[in-house]
Amino acid sequence: GVLPLTVRAGVPARLALPPALTLTAGTCLPSVKTTLVDAFDNPTTSTNATSVTVSSVGSILSVSGGNMCSAAPTVTITAGQTNADISLRSTTVGTYMFSARAPNLQDANANARVLPAPPAMLAVNLPAAVAAGSCSGVLTAELQDNYNNLSPAPGTLTVAFSAAGTAGITFHGEADAACASA
């Protein structure tokens, strides 16, 4: 005959976080789950509420309990539940480690990759001063998001330089030898 078999997860042994997350600079990434798992990585519940503290290495990535990116760095997995939401926010592009900790459980660590927001400004490096009749160094223009991160152009972009109200200033492209021979 056939016997019914019920498999149940074990007692909580550690916390788990998603292995890798991606967010855009300046935005809130809500509903990131911190989960109770047993020794075999099965999601499980606890008969008691579990207080979880979330944090990041350094202060560049903000990690909060709840979904709003503004709550305290502690969240509670209520009794009978398997997980609770945390949220992430940063304005600086890069990859940052964050963690979840709870008493008597193994910590969880994960990485969050922060991508630049869409371009919002054009930044140009300008020489401090150039002697009359000489060429300046190369001017470099770069697109940046609202947080001063380099941000890729959404397509081909043409930039025209001009000097308003100043006579005798000319601009030369990189391939133009006019400045190199001046």
C-alpha atoms as a PDB file:
ATOM      1  CA  GLY A   1       0.000   0.000   0.000  1.00  0.00           C
ATOM      2  CA  VAL A   2       0.816   3.656  -0.127  1.00  0.00           C
ATOM      3  CA  LEU A   3       1.550   5.529   3.072  1.00  0.00           C
ATOM      4  CA  PRO A   4       1.202   9.309   3.245  1.00  0.00           C
ATOM      5  CA  LEU A   5       4.472  11.070   3.990  1.00  0.00           C
ATOM      6  CA  THR A   6       4.737  14.596   5.310  1.00  0.00           C
ATOM      7  CA  VAL A   7       8.137  16.289   5.233  1.00  0.00           C
ATOM      8  CA  ARG A   8       8.534  19.311   7.465  1.00  0.00           C
ATOM      9  CA  ALA A   9      11.349  21.791   7.593  1.00  0.00           C
ATOM     10  CA  GLY A  10      13.611  21.724  10.635  1.00  0.00           C
ATOM     11  CA  VAL A  11      14.127  24.382  13.258  1.00  0.00           C
ATOM     12  CA  PRO A  12      15.622  27.705  12.097  1.00  0.00           C
ATOM     13  CA  ALA A  13      19.412  27.483  11.807  1.00  0.00           C
ATOM     14  CA  ARG A  14      20.286  30.604   9.863  1.00  0.00           C
ATOM     15  CA  LEU A  15      19.018  33.593   7.930  1.00  0.00           C
ATOM     16  CA  ALA A  16      19.060  33.741   4.139  1.00  0.00           C
ATOM     17  CA  LEU A  17      19.102  36.679   1.715  1.00  0.00           C
ATOM     18  CA  PRO A  18      18.808  36.752  -2.083  1.00  0.00           C
ATOM     19  CA  PRO A  19      22.265  36.007  -3.564  1.00  0.00           C
ATOM     20  CA  ALA A  20      22.609  39.140  -5.704  1.00  0.00           C
ATOM     21  CA  LEU A  21      20.470  42.232  -6.105  1.00  0.00           C
ATOM     22  CA  THR A  22      20.585  45.170  -8.497  1.00  0.00           C
ATOM     23  CA  LEU A  23      19.135  48.623  -7.963  1.00  0.00           C
ATOM     24  CA  THR A  24      19.398  52.037  -9.609  1.00  0.00           C
ATOM     25  CA  ALA A  25      21.114  54.904  -7.773  1.00  0.00           C
ATOM     26  CA  GLY A  26      18.633  57.000  -5.814  1.00  0.00           C
ATOM     27  CA  THR A  27      15.799  54.461  -5.926  1.00  0.00           C
ATOM     28  CA  CYS A  28      14.435  52.260  -3.159  1.00  0.00           C
ATOM     29  CA  LEU A  29      14.555  48.503  -3.706  1.00  0.00           C
ATOM     30  CA  PRO A  30      11.661  47.286  -1.521  1.00  0.00           C
ATOM     31  CA  SER A  31      10.496  43.783  -0.591  1.00  0.00           C
ATOM     32  CA  VAL A  32      13.898  42.133  -0.259  1.00  0.00           C
ATOM     33  CA  LYS A  33      13.183  39.016   1.800  1.00  0.00           C
ATOM     34  CA  THR A  34      15.245  37.922   4.782  1.00  0.00           C
ATOM     35  CA  THR A  35      14.219  34.321   5.376  1.00  0.00           C
ATOM     36  CA  LEU A  36      14.524  31.772   8.182  1.00  0.00           C
ATOM     37  CA  VAL A  37      15.982  28.495   6.882  1.00  0.00           C
ATOM     38  CA  ASP A  38      16.847  25.187   8.508  1.00  0.00           C
ATOM     39  CA  ALA A  39      20.206  23.378   8.351  1.00  0.00           C
ATOM     40  CA  PHE A  40      19.316  22.070   4.859  1.00  0.00           C
ATOM     41  CA  ASP A  41      18.299  25.515   3.475  1.00  0.00           C
ATOM     42  CA  ASN A  42      14.574  24.794   3.620  1.00  0.00           C
ATOM     43  CA  PRO A  43      12.441  27.836   4.483  1.00  0.00           C
ATOM     44  CA  THR A  44      11.040  27.353   7.968  1.00  0.00           C
ATOM     45  CA  THR A  45       9.107  29.141  10.685  1.00  0.00           C
ATOM     46  CA  SER A  46       9.742  29.850  14.325  1.00  0.00           C
ATOM     47  CA  THR A  47       7.319  29.630  17.203  1.00  0.00           C
ATOM     48  CA  ASN A  48       8.727  32.925  18.498  1.00  0.00           C
ATOM     49  CA  ALA A  49       9.143  36.326  16.880  1.00  0.00           C
ATOM     50  CA  THR A  50      12.670  36.748  15.494  1.00  0.00           C
ATOM     51  CA  SER A  51      14.248  40.200  15.625  1.00  0.00           C
ATOM     52  CA  VAL A  52      16.597  40.719  12.660  1.00  0.00           C
ATOM     53  CA  THR A  53      19.127  43.549  12.413  1.00  0.00           C
ATOM     54  CA  VAL A  54      20.156  44.541   8.886  1.00  0.00           C
ATOM     55  CA  SER A  55      23.239  46.556   8.028  1.00  0.00           C
ATOM     56  CA  SER A  56      25.790  47.277   5.333  1.00  0.00           C
ATOM     57  CA  VAL A  57      29.552  47.524   5.392  1.00  0.00           C
ATOM     58  CA  GLY A  58      30.189  51.283   5.508  1.00  0.00           C
ATOM     59  CA  SER A  59      27.495  53.887   5.086  1.00  0.00           C
ATOM     60  CA  ILE A  60      27.184  53.964   1.284  1.00  0.00           C
ATOM     61  CA  LEU A  61      24.323  51.440   1.132  1.00  0.00           C
ATOM     62  CA  SER A  62      21.327  52.162   3.345  1.00  0.00           C
ATOM     63  CA  VAL A  63      19.572  48.991   4.550  1.00  0.00           C
ATOM     64  CA  SER A  64      16.233  49.334   6.349  1.00  0.00           C
ATOM     65  CA  GLY A  65      13.620  47.092   7.871  1.00  0.00           C
ATOM     66  CA  GLY A  66      10.339  47.211   5.950  1.00  0.00           C
ATOM     67  CA  ASN A  67       9.565  48.373   2.423  1.00  0.00           C
ATOM     68  CA  MET A  68      10.040  52.133   2.552  1.00  0.00           C
ATOM     69  CA  CYS A  69      13.846  52.645   2.735  1.00  0.00           C
ATOM     70  CA  SER A  70      13.333  54.853   5.760  1.00  0.00           C
ATOM     71  CA  ALA A  71      12.529  52.512   8.633  1.00  0.00           C
ATOM     72  CA  ALA A  72      14.832  51.441  11.440  1.00  0.00           C
ATOM     73  CA  PRO A  73      17.547  48.852  10.710  1.00  0.00           C
ATOM     74  CA  THR A  74      15.565  46.173  12.564  1.00  0.00           C
ATOM     75  CA  VAL A  75      12.726  44.038  11.280  1.00  0.00           C
ATOM     76  CA  THR A  76      10.757  41.258  12.975  1.00  0.00           C
ATOM     77  CA  ILE A  77       9.897  37.902  11.455  1.00  0.00           C
ATOM     78  CA  THR A  78       6.675  37.233  13.324  1.00  0.00           C
ATOM     79  CA  ALA A  79       5.978  33.848  14.906  1.00  0.00           C
ATOM     80  CA  GLY A  80       4.679  31.385  12.319  1.00  0.00           C
ATOM     81  CA  GLN A  81       6.131  33.354   9.354  1.00  0.00           C
ATOM     82  CA  THR A  82       9.175  32.460   7.247  1.00  0.00           C
ATOM     83  CA  ASN A  83      10.394  35.920   6.247  1.00  0.00           C
ATOM     84  CA  ALA A  84      10.237  39.685   6.587  1.00  0.00           C
ATOM     85  CA  ASP A  85      10.913  42.517   4.144  1.00  0.00           C
ATOM     86  CA  ILE A  86      13.922  44.795   4.133  1.00  0.00           C
ATOM     87  CA  SER A  87      14.757  47.545   1.658  1.00  0.00           C
ATOM     88  CA  LEU A  88      17.926  48.970   0.115  1.00  0.00           C
ATOM     89  CA  ARG A  89      18.931  52.405  -1.182  1.00  0.00           C
ATOM     90  CA  SER A  90      22.159  54.072  -2.342  1.00  0.00           C
ATOM     91  CA  THR A  91      23.172  57.031  -4.479  1.00  0.00           C
ATOM     92  CA  THR A  92      26.703  55.751  -5.190  1.00  0.00           C
ATOM     93  CA  VAL A  93      27.437  53.305  -8.012  1.00  0.00           C
ATOM     94  CA  GLY A  94      29.256  50.121  -6.993  1.00  0.00           C
ATOM     95  CA  THR A  95      28.761  46.719  -5.384  1.00  0.00           C
ATOM     96  CA  TYR A  96      28.201  46.643  -1.638  1.00  0.00           C
ATOM     97  CA  MET A  97      27.817  43.854   0.903  1.00  0.00           C
ATOM     98  CA  PHE A  98      24.961  43.868   3.386  1.00  0.00           C
ATOM     99  CA  SER A  99      23.962  41.453   6.121  1.00  0.00           C
ATOM    100  CA  ALA A 100      21.129  40.226   8.319  1.00  0.00           C
ATOM    101  CA  ARG A 101      21.758  39.089  11.900  1.00  0.00           C
ATOM    102  CA  ALA A 102      19.576  37.521  14.555  1.00  0.00           C
ATOM    103  CA  PRO A 103      20.411  36.021  17.963  1.00  0.00           C
ATOM    104  CA  ASN A 104      21.185  32.276  17.893  1.00  0.00           C
ATOM    105  CA  LEU A 105      21.103  32.094  14.066  1.00  0.00           C
ATOM    106  CA  GLN A 106      23.898  32.127  11.504  1.00  0.00           C
ATOM    107  CA  ASP A 107      24.179  35.524   9.756  1.00  0.00           C
ATOM    108  CA  ALA A 108      23.312  36.040   6.100  1.00  0.00           C
ATOM    109  CA  ASN A 109      25.396  38.163   3.711  1.00  0.00           C
ATOM    110  CA  ALA A 110      24.599  39.291   0.190  1.00  0.00           C
ATOM    111  CA  ASN A 111      25.729  41.820  -2.400  1.00  0.00           C
ATOM    112  CA  ALA A 112      23.795  44.681  -3.925  1.00  0.00           C
ATOM    113  CA  ARG A 113      24.953  46.220  -7.189  1.00  0.00           C
ATOM    114  CA  VAL A 114      24.019  49.877  -7.633  1.00  0.00           C
ATOM    115  CA  LEU A 115      23.758  51.067 -11.246  1.00  0.00           C
ATOM    116  CA  PRO A 116      23.781  54.726 -12.348  1.00  0.00           C
ATOM    117  CA  ALA A 117      20.524  56.597 -12.775  1.00  0.00           C
ATOM    118  CA  PRO A 118      19.756  58.038 -16.246  1.00  0.00           C
ATOM    119  CA  PRO A 119      22.001  60.926 -17.344  1.00  0.00           C
ATOM    120  CA  ALA A 120      20.979  64.264 -15.878  1.00  0.00           C
ATOM    121  CA  MET A 121      23.953  66.557 -16.624  1.00  0.00           C
ATOM    122  CA  LEU A 122      27.054  67.023 -18.723  1.00  0.00           C
ATOM    123  CA  ALA A 123      30.217  67.662 -16.728  1.00  0.00           C
ATOM    124  CA  VAL A 124      33.281  69.152 -18.432  1.00  0.00           C
ATOM    125  CA  ASN A 125      36.753  69.473 -16.976  1.00  0.00           C
ATOM    126  CA  LEU A 126      38.096  72.958 -17.700  1.00  0.00           C
ATOM    127  CA  PRO A 127      41.711  74.130 -17.425  1.00  0.00           C
ATOM    128  CA  ALA A 128      42.365  76.707 -14.712  1.00  0.00           C
ATOM    129  CA  ALA A 129      43.980  79.169 -17.132  1.00  0.00           C
ATOM    130  CA  VAL A 130      45.453  79.128 -20.634  1.00  0.00           C
ATOM    131  CA  ALA A 131      47.990  81.653 -21.901  1.00  0.00           C
ATOM    132  CA  ALA A 132      46.862  83.746 -24.888  1.00  0.00           C
ATOM    133  CA  GLY A 133      47.759  82.055 -28.167  1.00  0.00           C
ATOM    134  CA  SER A 134      48.263  78.620 -26.575  1.00  0.00           C
ATOM    135  CA  CYS A 135      46.176  75.500 -26.592  1.00  0.00           C
ATOM    136  CA  SER A 136      44.578  74.125 -23.494  1.00  0.00           C
ATOM    137  CA  GLY A 137      44.746  70.508 -22.533  1.00  0.00           C
ATOM    138  CA  VAL A 138      42.038  68.192 -23.779  1.00  0.00           C
ATOM    139  CA  LEU A 139      38.571  69.000 -22.467  1.00  0.00           C
ATOM    140  CA  THR A 140      36.750  65.894 -21.329  1.00  0.00           C
ATOM    141  CA  ALA A 141      32.977  65.762 -21.184  1.00  0.00           C
ATOM    142  CA  GLU A 142      31.103  63.059 -19.297  1.00  0.00           C
ATOM    143  CA  LEU A 143      27.465  62.347 -18.599  1.00  0.00           C
ATOM    144  CA  GLN A 144      26.490  62.090 -14.958  1.00  0.00           C
ATOM    145  CA  ASP A 145      23.312  61.210 -13.121  1.00  0.00           C
ATOM    146  CA  ASN A 146      21.807  63.411 -10.384  1.00  0.00           C
ATOM    147  CA  TYR A 147      24.258  61.864  -7.887  1.00  0.00           C
ATOM    148  CA  ASN A 148      27.458  62.634  -9.887  1.00  0.00           C
ATOM    149  CA  ASN A 149      27.907  59.019 -11.033  1.00  0.00           C
ATOM    150  CA  LEU A 150      29.068  58.435 -14.602  1.00  0.00           C
ATOM    151  CA  SER A 151      25.972  57.494 -16.587  1.00  0.00           C
ATOM    152  CA  PRO A 152      25.974  55.969 -20.086  1.00  0.00           C
ATOM    153  CA  ALA A 153      24.354  57.865 -22.949  1.00  0.00           C
ATOM    154  CA  PRO A 154      21.078  56.332 -24.108  1.00  0.00           C
ATOM    155  CA  GLY A 155      22.416  56.453 -27.686  1.00  0.00           C
ATOM    156  CA  THR A 156      24.730  58.511 -29.866  1.00  0.00           C
ATOM    157  CA  LEU A 157      25.217  61.967 -28.414  1.00  0.00           C
ATOM    158  CA  THR A 158      26.753  64.984 -30.140  1.00  0.00           C
ATOM    159  CA  VAL A 159      28.130  67.781 -27.973  1.00  0.00           C
ATOM    160  CA  ALA A 160      28.906  71.231 -29.398  1.00  0.00           C
ATOM    161  CA  PHE A 161      31.196  73.528 -27.410  1.00  0.00           C
ATOM    162  CA  SER A 162      31.051  77.307 -27.640  1.00  0.00           C
ATOM    163  CA  ALA A 163      32.386  80.290 -25.717  1.00  0.00           C
ATOM    164  CA  ALA A 164      29.722  82.946 -25.227  1.00  0.00           C
ATOM    165  CA  GLY A 165      30.846  86.590 -25.258  1.00  0.00           C
ATOM    166  CA  THR A 166      34.526  85.805 -25.725  1.00  0.00           C
ATOM    167  CA  ALA A 167      36.257  86.489 -29.031  1.00  0.00           C
ATOM    168  CA  GLY A 168      39.264  84.538 -30.233  1.00  0.00           C
ATOM    169  CA  ILE A 169      38.445  81.191 -28.640  1.00  0.00           C
ATOM    170  CA  THR A 170      38.208  78.206 -30.948  1.00  0.00           C
ATOM    171  CA  PHE A 171      37.526  74.564 -30.248  1.00  0.00           C
ATOM    172  CA  HIS A 172      39.256  71.711 -32.061  1.00  0.00           C
ATOM    173  CA  GLY A 173      38.272  68.040 -32.212  1.00  0.00           C
ATOM    174  CA  GLU A 174      40.685  65.320 -31.116  1.00  0.00           C
ATOM    175  CA  ALA A 175      41.638  64.544 -34.706  1.00  0.00           C
ATOM    176  CA  ASP A 176      42.193  68.226 -35.555  1.00  0.00           C
ATOM    177  CA  ALA A 177      45.896  69.074 -35.801  1.00  0.00           C
ATOM    178  CA  ALA A 178      45.237  72.858 -35.800  1.00  0.00           C
ATOM    179  CA  CYS A 179      45.701  73.160 -32.070  1.00  0.00           C
ATOM    180  CA  ALA A 180      48.631  70.768 -32.017  1.00  0.00           C
ATOM    181  CA  SER A 181      50.522  73.022 -34.464  1.00  0.00           C
ATOM    182  CA  ALA A 182      49.518  76.301 -32.792  1.00  0.00           C
END
